[in-house]
C-alpha atoms as a PDB file:
ATOM      1  CA  MET A   1       7.929  17.734 -19.108  1.00  0.00           C
ATOM      2  CA  ARG A   2       8.887  14.475 -17.462  1.00  0.00           C
ATOM      3  CA  LYS A   3       6.791  12.746 -14.856  1.00  0.00           C
ATOM      4  CA  LEU A   4       7.718  12.414 -11.117  1.00  0.00           C
ATOM      5  CA  SER A   5       7.661   8.470 -11.553  1.00  0.00           C
ATOM      6  CA  GLU A   6      10.291   8.870 -14.415  1.00  0.00           C
ATOM      7  CA  LEU A   7      12.423  11.034 -11.948  1.00  0.00           C
ATOM      8  CA  ALA A   8      12.373   8.528  -9.028  1.00  0.00           C
ATOM      9  CA  GLY A   9      15.898   8.088  -7.904  1.00  0.00           C
ATOM     10  CA  SER A  10      17.214  11.007  -9.903  1.00  0.00           C
ATOM     11  CA  CYS A  11      18.229  14.149  -8.002  1.00  0.00           C
ATOM     12  CA  GLY A  12      19.472  16.403 -10.667  1.00  0.00           C
ATOM     13  CA  ALA A  13      16.351  15.866 -12.925  1.00  0.00           C
ATOM     14  CA  LEU A  14      13.928  17.297 -10.338  1.00  0.00           C
ATOM     15  CA  THR A  15      14.367  20.782 -11.335  1.00  0.00           C
ATOM     16  CA  ASP A  16      14.798  19.998 -14.945  1.00  0.00           C
ATOM     17  CA  GLY A  17      11.617  20.803 -16.598  1.00  0.00           C
ATOM     18  CA  TYR A  18       9.291  19.024 -14.181  1.00  0.00           C
ATOM     19  CA  SER A  19       5.805  20.735 -13.178  1.00  0.00           C
ATOM     20  CA  ALA A  20       3.899  19.525 -10.132  1.00  0.00           C
ATOM     21  CA  ARG A  21       0.839  20.423 -11.838  1.00  0.00           C
ATOM     22  CA  ASP A  22       1.268  17.708 -14.413  1.00  0.00           C
ATOM     23  CA  GLU A  23       0.545  14.975 -12.073  1.00  0.00           C
ATOM     24  CA  ARG A  24      -1.751  16.590  -9.680  1.00  0.00           C
ATOM     25  CA  THR A  25      -4.314  13.587 -10.481  1.00  0.00           C
ATOM     26  CA  THR A  26      -1.810  10.979 -10.390  1.00  0.00           C
ATOM     27  CA  MET A  27       0.484  12.041  -7.506  1.00  0.00           C
ATOM     28  CA  ALA A  28      -2.162  11.069  -4.720  1.00  0.00           C
ATOM     29  CA  ILE A  29      -1.466  11.679  -0.959  1.00  0.00           C
ATOM     30  CA  ASP A  30      -3.526   9.563   1.154  1.00  0.00           C
ATOM     31  CA  LEU A  31      -4.135  10.912   4.534  1.00  0.00           C
ATOM     32  CA  PRO A  32      -5.356   8.514   7.085  1.00  0.00           C
ATOM     33  CA  LYS A  33      -8.848   9.379   8.210  1.00  0.00           C
ATOM     34  CA  ASP A  34      -7.729  10.493  11.751  1.00  0.00           C
ATOM     35  CA  SER A  35      -4.996  12.762  10.140  1.00  0.00           C
ATOM     36  CA  ALA A  36      -7.680  14.193   7.521  1.00  0.00           C
ATOM     37  CA  LYS A  37     -10.057  14.770  10.526  1.00  0.00           C
ATOM     38  CA  GLU A  38      -7.409  16.468  12.385  1.00  0.00           C
ATOM     39  CA  ALA A  39      -6.511  18.799   9.428  1.00  0.00           C
ATOM     40  CA  VAL A  40     -10.227  19.648   8.822  1.00  0.00           C
ATOM     41  CA  LEU A  41     -10.441  20.880  12.441  1.00  0.00           C
ATOM     42  CA  SER A  42      -7.164  22.921  11.987  1.00  0.00           C
ATOM     43  CA  LEU A  43      -8.827  24.479   8.858  1.00  0.00           C
ATOM     44  CA  GLN A  44     -12.002  25.323  10.701  1.00  0.00           C
ATOM     45  CA  ARG A  45     -10.024  26.737  13.949  1.00  0.00           C
ATOM     46  CA  TYR A  46      -7.711  28.962  11.414  1.00  0.00           C
ATOM     47  CA  PHE A  47     -10.759  30.336   9.741  1.00  0.00           C
ATOM     48  CA  LYS A  48     -12.668  31.303  13.094  1.00  0.00           C
ATOM     49  CA  GLU A  49      -9.350  32.628  14.704  1.00  0.00           C
ATOM     50  CA  ASN A  50      -7.928  34.516  11.870  1.00  0.00           C
ATOM     51  CA  MET A  51     -10.715  35.201   9.424  1.00  0.00           C
ATOM     52  CA  ASP A  52     -13.571  35.947  11.743  1.00  0.00           C
ATOM     53  CA  ASN A  53     -15.592  33.351   9.895  1.00  0.00           C
ATOM     54  CA  GLU A  54     -16.661  29.917  10.644  1.00  0.00           C
ATOM     55  CA  ILE A  55     -16.672  27.180   7.913  1.00  0.00           C
ATOM     56  CA  GLY A  56     -18.141  23.737   8.065  1.00  0.00           C
ATOM     57  CA  ASN A  57     -16.784  20.273   7.417  1.00  0.00           C
ATOM     58  CA  LEU A  58     -17.769  20.233   3.657  1.00  0.00           C
ATOM     59  CA  VAL A  59     -16.056  23.606   3.092  1.00  0.00           C
ATOM     60  CA  ALA A  60     -13.040  22.562   5.180  1.00  0.00           C
ATOM     61  CA  GLU A  61     -12.946  19.151   3.360  1.00  0.00           C
ATOM     62  CA  GLY A  62     -12.793  20.666   0.186  1.00  0.00           C
ATOM     63  CA  LEU A  63     -10.007  23.315   0.990  1.00  0.00           C
ATOM     64  CA  LEU A  64      -7.971  20.290   2.394  1.00  0.00           C
ATOM     65  CA  LYS A  65      -8.637  18.389  -0.893  1.00  0.00           C
ATOM     66  CA  PHE A  66      -7.438  21.325  -2.664  1.00  0.00           C
ATOM     67  CA  PHE A  67      -4.196  21.983  -0.693  1.00  0.00           C
ATOM     68  CA  VAL A  68      -3.365  18.056  -1.027  1.00  0.00           C
ATOM     69  CA  GLU A  69      -3.733  17.974  -4.751  1.00  0.00           C
ATOM     70  CA  GLU A  70      -2.537  21.443  -5.862  1.00  0.00           C
ATOM     71  CA  ILE A  71      -0.105  22.433  -3.282  1.00  0.00           C
ATOM     72  CA  GLY A  72       1.123  19.134  -1.885  1.00  0.00           C
ATOM     73  CA  PRO A  73       3.118  18.192  -4.976  1.00  0.00           C
ATOM     74  CA  ILE A  74       4.676  21.469  -5.246  1.00  0.00           C
ATOM     75  CA  ILE A  75       5.877  21.294  -1.643  1.00  0.00           C
ATOM     76  CA  TYR A  76       6.983  17.881  -2.168  1.00  0.00           C
ATOM     77  CA  THR A  77       9.128  18.604  -5.164  1.00  0.00           C
ATOM     78  CA  THR A  78      10.538  21.772  -3.764  1.00  0.00           C
ATOM     79  CA  ARG A  79      11.439  19.843  -0.596  1.00  0.00           C
ATOM     80  CA  ARG A  80      13.125  16.788  -2.598  1.00  0.00           C
ATOM     81  CA  SER A  81      15.026  19.428  -4.902  1.00  0.00           C
ATOM     82  CA  ARG A  82      16.514  21.067  -1.839  1.00  0.00           C
ATOM     83  CA  MET A  83      17.302  17.927  -0.124  1.00  0.00           C
ATOM     84  CA  CYS A  84      19.185  16.790  -3.508  1.00  0.00           C
ATOM     85  CA  ASN A  85      21.097  20.021  -3.699  1.00  0.00           C
ATOM     86  CA  LYS A  86      22.552  19.188  -0.123  1.00  0.00           C
ATOM     87  CA  GLY A  87      23.851  15.971  -1.300  1.00  0.00           C
ATOM     88  CA  TYR A  88      20.859  13.586  -0.429  1.00  0.00           C
ATOM     89  CA  LYS A  89      20.850  10.817  -2.596  1.00  0.00           C
ATOM     90  CA  PRO A  90      17.436   8.660  -2.806  1.00  0.00           C
ATOM     91  CA  ALA A  91      17.667   4.793  -2.368  1.00  0.00           C
END
């Protein structure tokens, strides 16, 4: 498995043996504080409206951290791979 940093600028390699989980601790996504706060409020609203349960800031922040660390890289690599398959070439 290759690291994302090794694949920079290479479209074809994105689907060639790369696992997003390999770099979850090194592929950090830094959210500005206002964006993180908005995301926490969104998670709290979602739970209240769809799960008939309210969650506090600590739980919502934990969920946000999980989504960013675990799911964020998967979304990133999937999106980038699709863009490359459509002819996009990174700079």
